């Protein structure tokens, strides 16, 4: 077959795809072709615009390295990451809602002990985080793995300033105690703009959007037989809660970071100056097969 035009090219491509032996590959490929061709027909890009689009994606790829993932930023800022999250993580009553992983997660977070200070000596307002992990409709989950990470007082993550600080900071991995509890010290995070010196920032400017995220602490929590939870807890009252550039805010994930006077902290230690306290109790849902077996 040959001599395709704007009316016949889509069916021709779909016919070529029909030979795919994997049904999922065929389904995804056919949907991609149909929607991409429909997009082009609706937008009717000029040749110059199409070339710009290809260049935009090429530059997006060139911005990716071991410290920055521009394609994740692109997915996040177009709302695709949250859409994929919503499709894959229906939340039963009592389970903590999920949100995006974000581009600053690091696999090799340092293991810390309960009550450790994970700030790495970064300047900022002292903050104690307390919380618990339990099963939806059940009891505490002892030994759960709790990964945490957050920005500093200026809105930067450790990996964005590694050349200056020389080590990981404001991130750690904890294990819950026999009652499902955990706690640690750090500094209160600030709102921050996502990296916007690349193609994604260029796109946001063209769309008339700001690059800011409200202040938050990231959590990734795992326990055997339960779905891994990836979420944030946001600072109540932050000016960007209703315009988060990655569409990640949910009401259930907003908490007061309560200012406390000098004195005895929730973990019993004496603190010389004012500090902030965040408390959040997380609920995990069982993996479907585990729920059926229970």
Protein backbone atom coordinates (compact mmCIF):
# COMPACT_ATOMS: atom_id res chain seq x y z
CA UNK A 1 0.00 0.00 0.00
CA UNK A 2 1.20 3.51 -0.83
CA UNK A 3 0.09 7.03 -1.75
CA UNK A 4 -1.31 7.78 1.70
CA UNK A 5 -2.97 11.10 2.51
CA UNK A 6 -4.38 12.79 5.60
CA UNK A 7 -7.53 10.66 5.35
CA UNK A 8 -5.89 7.26 4.89
CA UNK A 9 -2.59 7.39 6.77
CA UNK A 10 -4.05 6.53 10.21
CA UNK A 11 -5.75 3.33 9.03
CA UNK A 12 -2.58 2.34 7.20
CA UNK A 13 -0.47 2.64 10.36
CA UNK A 14 -3.07 0.74 12.39
CA UNK A 15 -3.03 -2.04 9.81
CA UNK A 16 0.75 -2.37 10.16
CA UNK A 17 0.41 -2.61 13.95
CA UNK A 18 -2.20 -5.38 13.71
CA UNK A 19 0.54 -8.01 13.56
CA UNK A 20 1.79 -7.34 17.09
CA UNK A 21 1.73 -10.63 18.99
CA UNK A 22 1.55 -9.06 22.47
CA UNK A 23 -2.05 -7.84 22.96
CA UNK A 24 -1.02 -5.08 25.39
CA UNK A 25 1.59 -3.72 22.98
CA UNK A 26 -1.02 -3.74 20.25
CA UNK A 27 -3.58 -1.96 22.44
CA UNK A 28 -1.13 0.75 23.54
CA UNK A 29 0.31 1.25 20.04
CA UNK A 30 -3.10 1.53 18.40
CA UNK A 31 -4.33 4.03 21.00
CA UNK A 32 -1.14 6.07 20.64
CA UNK A 33 -1.50 6.28 16.87
CA UNK A 34 -5.20 7.15 16.97
CA UNK A 35 -4.79 9.92 19.56
CA UNK A 36 -1.55 11.31 18.13
CA UNK A 37 -2.99 11.50 14.64
CA UNK A 38 -6.19 13.08 16.02
CA UNK A 39 -4.06 15.68 17.86
CA UNK A 40 -2.20 16.57 14.66
CA UNK A 41 -5.45 16.87 12.72
CA UNK A 42 -6.93 19.16 15.39
CA UNK A 43 -3.87 21.39 15.86
CA UNK A 44 -2.72 21.36 12.20
CA UNK A 45 0.90 22.23 13.05
CA UNK A 46 3.06 23.95 10.51
CA UNK A 47 6.25 22.17 9.49
CA UNK A 48 8.20 24.68 11.57
CA UNK A 49 6.00 24.02 14.64
CA UNK A 50 6.42 20.26 14.26
CA UNK A 51 10.18 20.64 14.04
CA UNK A 52 10.08 22.81 17.17
CA UNK A 53 8.14 20.05 18.97
CA UNK A 54 10.77 17.47 18.03
CA UNK A 55 13.51 19.85 19.18
CA UNK A 56 11.65 20.43 22.48
CA UNK A 57 11.58 16.69 23.22
CA UNK A 58 15.22 16.33 22.18
CA UNK A 59 16.27 19.11 24.56
CA UNK A 60 14.15 17.54 27.28
CA UNK A 61 16.12 14.33 26.91
CA UNK A 62 19.44 16.19 26.95
CA UNK A 63 18.52 17.76 30.32
CA UNK A 64 18.21 14.34 31.98
CA UNK A 65 21.06 12.99 34.09
CA UNK A 66 21.56 11.20 37.41
CA UNK A 67 20.48 14.33 39.34
CA UNK A 68 17.65 15.64 37.16
CA UNK A 69 14.84 13.99 35.20
CA UNK A 70 13.30 16.54 32.86
CA UNK A 71 10.80 14.02 31.44
CA UNK A 72 9.40 13.45 34.95
CA UNK A 73 9.02 17.23 35.28
CA UNK A 74 7.23 17.30 31.93
CA UNK A 75 4.89 14.50 32.97
CA UNK A 76 4.27 16.16 36.35
CA UNK A 77 3.53 19.63 34.99
CA UNK A 78 1.12 18.31 32.36
CA UNK A 79 -0.83 16.46 35.06
CA UNK A 80 0.00 13.07 33.55
CA UNK A 81 1.86 11.79 36.61
CA UNK A 82 -1.13 12.48 38.86
CA UNK A 83 -3.51 10.95 36.31
CA UNK A 84 -1.46 7.73 36.20
CA UNK A 85 -1.36 7.78 40.00
CA UNK A 86 -5.15 8.21 40.26
CA UNK A 87 -5.79 5.36 37.81
CA UNK A 88 -3.49 2.96 39.65
CA UNK A 89 -4.23 3.86 43.27
CA UNK A 90 -7.91 3.92 44.19
CA UNK A 91 -8.01 4.73 47.88
CA UNK A 92 -10.34 2.85 50.26
CA UNK A 93 -11.62 4.58 53.36
CA UNK A 94 -8.89 4.84 55.96
CA UNK A 95 -6.00 4.60 53.49
CA UNK A 96 -3.66 7.54 53.01
CA UNK A 97 -4.02 9.21 49.64
CA UNK A 98 -1.14 9.02 47.18
CA UNK A 99 0.61 11.65 45.11
CA UNK A 100 3.59 11.96 42.77
CA UNK A 101 7.06 10.60 43.55
CA UNK A 102 8.77 13.69 42.17
CA UNK A 103 12.22 13.96 40.59
CA UNK A 104 14.32 14.11 43.78
CA UNK A 105 13.86 10.62 45.26
CA UNK A 106 17.17 8.81 45.92
CA UNK A 107 17.31 5.02 46.32
CA UNK A 108 20.32 5.01 48.64
CA UNK A 109 18.85 7.04 51.49
CA UNK A 110 20.87 6.63 54.71
CA UNK A 111 19.43 4.39 57.42
CA UNK A 112 18.69 6.35 60.58
CA UNK A 113 17.55 5.58 64.13
CA UNK A 114 14.36 6.90 65.75
CA UNK A 115 14.81 10.50 66.87
CA UNK A 116 17.85 11.17 64.69
CA UNK A 117 18.36 14.61 63.17
CA UNK A 118 18.43 14.21 59.37
CA UNK A 119 19.00 17.90 58.54
CA UNK A 120 22.67 17.34 57.81
CA UNK A 121 23.47 20.61 59.54
CA UNK A 122 21.38 22.67 57.10
CA UNK A 123 20.13 25.96 58.51
CA UNK A 124 16.44 26.44 59.19
CA UNK A 125 13.69 26.19 61.77
CA UNK A 126 13.94 22.98 63.80
CA UNK A 127 11.15 20.50 63.09
CA UNK A 128 10.16 17.23 64.71
CA UNK A 129 8.10 14.79 62.65
CA UNK A 130 6.07 12.13 64.45
CA UNK A 131 3.79 9.55 62.92
CA UNK A 132 2.52 6.03 62.73
CA UNK A 133 1.88 3.37 60.11
CA UNK A 134 -1.09 1.04 60.36
CA UNK A 135 -3.19 -1.27 58.22
CA UNK A 136 -6.51 0.00 56.90
CA UNK A 137 -9.06 -1.46 59.29
CA UNK A 138 -6.29 -3.15 61.27
CA UNK A 139 -3.53 -2.55 63.72
CA UNK A 140 -0.07 -0.97 63.69
CA UNK A 141 2.51 -2.19 61.21
CA UNK A 142 5.76 -2.77 63.05
CA UNK A 143 8.95 -2.76 60.97
CA UNK A 144 7.50 -0.72 58.11
CA UNK A 145 10.12 1.04 56.00
CA UNK A 146 9.61 4.81 55.99
CA UNK A 147 11.60 6.82 53.45
CA UNK A 148 11.46 10.60 53.93
CA UNK A 149 12.95 13.53 52.01
CA UNK A 150 12.29 17.24 51.74
CA UNK A 151 13.72 20.60 50.72
CA UNK A 152 15.70 23.02 52.84
CA UNK A 153 14.72 26.44 54.15
CA UNK A 154 15.42 27.95 50.72
CA UNK A 155 13.48 25.29 48.80
CA UNK A 156 16.44 23.26 47.53
CA UNK A 157 16.99 19.51 47.82
CA UNK A 158 20.36 18.02 48.69
CA UNK A 159 20.92 16.64 45.18
CA UNK A 160 20.52 20.16 43.78
CA UNK A 161 23.40 21.45 45.91
CA UNK A 162 25.54 18.37 46.30
CA UNK A 163 28.66 20.21 45.14
CA UNK A 164 28.21 22.64 48.03
CA UNK A 165 27.12 20.37 50.89
CA UNK A 166 29.01 17.24 49.80
CA UNK A 167 26.56 14.68 51.18
CA UNK A 168 22.92 13.66 51.35
CA UNK A 169 20.79 15.66 53.78
CA UNK A 170 17.14 16.05 54.73
CA UNK A 171 16.44 12.48 53.66
CA UNK A 172 16.59 9.17 55.50
CA UNK A 173 15.10 5.71 55.92
CA UNK A 174 13.47 4.66 59.18
CA UNK A 175 11.73 1.55 60.50
CA UNK A 176 8.60 1.75 62.63
CA UNK A 177 8.74 0.37 66.18
CA UNK A 178 6.53 -2.38 67.63
CA UNK A 179 3.64 0.09 67.82
CA UNK A 180 4.04 1.25 64.24
CA UNK A 181 5.48 4.62 65.32
CA UNK A 182 8.40 6.65 63.99
CA UNK A 183 9.86 10.10 64.66
CA UNK A 184 12.80 12.22 63.56
CA UNK A 185 14.17 15.76 63.62
CA UNK A 186 15.01 17.99 60.67
CA UNK A 187 14.27 21.54 59.49
CA UNK A 188 10.97 22.92 58.22
CA UNK A 189 10.83 22.82 54.39
CA UNK A 190 9.94 25.79 52.22
CA UNK A 191 7.88 26.21 49.07
CA UNK A 192 10.06 26.01 45.97
CA UNK A 193 10.00 26.26 42.20
CA UNK A 194 10.66 23.10 40.24
CA UNK A 195 13.75 23.39 38.03
CA UNK A 196 12.62 25.77 35.29
CA UNK A 197 15.81 26.61 33.43
CA UNK A 198 15.11 23.98 30.76
CA UNK A 199 12.41 23.02 28.27
CA UNK A 200 9.74 22.48 30.95
CA UNK A 201 10.32 25.98 32.34
CA UNK A 202 10.12 27.33 28.81
CA UNK A 203 6.77 25.57 28.39
CA UNK A 204 5.40 26.91 31.69
CA UNK A 205 6.34 30.47 30.75
CA UNK A 206 4.65 30.11 27.37
CA UNK A 207 1.52 28.77 29.11
CA UNK A 208 1.46 31.67 31.58
CA UNK A 209 2.08 29.40 34.59
CA UNK A 210 4.35 29.64 37.62
CA UNK A 211 6.78 26.83 38.56
CA UNK A 212 6.07 26.71 42.31
CA UNK A 213 5.22 23.83 44.62
CA UNK A 214 3.83 24.31 48.15
CA UNK A 215 6.10 23.28 51.03
CA UNK A 216 5.89 19.57 51.88
CA UNK A 217 7.62 16.49 53.21
CA UNK A 218 7.81 13.37 51.02
CA UNK A 219 7.05 9.91 52.40
CA UNK A 220 7.42 6.49 50.78
CA UNK A 221 6.24 3.68 53.08
CA UNK A 222 6.46 -0.07 52.54
CA UNK A 223 5.40 -3.14 54.50
CA UNK A 224 5.17 -6.81 53.41
CA UNK A 225 1.73 -7.63 52.01
CA UNK A 226 0.76 -3.97 51.57
CA UNK A 227 0.80 -1.61 48.62
CA UNK A 228 3.71 0.80 48.74
CA UNK A 229 2.55 4.30 49.65
CA UNK A 230 4.08 7.32 47.90
CA UNK A 231 2.76 10.60 49.21
CA UNK A 232 3.53 14.09 50.60
CA UNK A 233 2.31 16.00 53.63
CA UNK A 234 1.81 19.69 52.80
CA UNK A 235 2.17 22.72 55.05
CA UNK A 236 -1.24 24.20 55.87
CA UNK A 237 -1.67 27.79 54.73
CA UNK A 238 0.97 27.66 52.00
CA UNK A 239 0.21 30.16 49.23
CA UNK A 240 0.65 27.55 46.48
CA UNK A 241 -1.73 24.86 47.76
CA UNK A 242 -4.32 25.77 45.11
CA UNK A 243 -1.86 26.20 42.25
CA UNK A 244 0.70 23.43 42.74
CA UNK A 245 2.53 23.20 39.43
CA UNK A 246 2.33 19.37 39.47
CA UNK A 247 -1.31 19.13 40.66
CA UNK A 248 -0.35 17.00 43.66
CA UNK A 249 -2.25 18.61 46.56
CA UNK A 250 -5.12 16.76 48.27
CA UNK A 251 -7.00 18.08 51.29
CA UNK A 252 -6.31 14.95 53.34
CA UNK A 253 -2.55 15.53 52.95
CA UNK A 254 -2.52 19.06 54.39
CA UNK A 255 -1.46 19.44 58.01
CA UNK A 256 -0.50 22.21 60.40
CA UNK A 257 3.22 22.35 61.05
CA UNK A 258 2.56 23.56 64.58
CA UNK A 259 4.93 26.12 66.05
CA UNK A 260 5.94 25.07 69.57
CA UNK A 261 7.75 27.13 72.24
CA UNK A 262 11.07 26.13 73.73
CA UNK A 263 10.77 23.33 76.22
CA UNK A 264 10.02 19.62 76.21
CA UNK A 265 9.41 18.21 72.70
CA UNK A 266 7.03 15.34 71.89
CA UNK A 267 9.91 12.84 72.06
CA UNK A 268 10.85 14.02 75.55
CA UNK A 269 13.98 15.99 74.75
CA UNK A 270 14.45 19.59 75.91
CA UNK A 271 14.71 22.16 73.12
CA UNK A 272 16.27 25.60 73.64
CA UNK A 273 14.32 27.51 70.99
CA UNK A 274 11.01 27.42 69.14
CA UNK A 275 10.44 24.45 66.86
CA UNK A 276 7.76 23.05 64.55
CA UNK A 277 5.87 19.79 64.99
CA UNK A 278 4.32 17.74 62.19
CA UNK A 279 2.30 14.66 63.08
CA UNK A 280 0.67 12.36 60.53
CA UNK A 281 -0.76 8.84 60.82
CA UNK A 282 -0.50 6.77 57.66
CA UNK A 283 -2.83 3.95 56.59
CA UNK A 284 -1.67 1.27 54.14
CA UNK A 285 -3.97 -0.94 52.11
CA UNK A 286 -3.30 -4.62 51.60
CA UNK A 287 -2.23 -6.01 48.27
CA UNK A 288 -5.32 -7.60 46.73
CA UNK A 289 -4.05 -11.19 46.93
CA UNK A 290 -3.07 -10.68 50.58
CA UNK A 291 -6.49 -9.24 51.37
CA UNK A 292 -8.24 -12.28 49.85
CA UNK A 293 -6.02 -14.65 51.78
CA UNK A 294 -6.65 -12.90 55.11
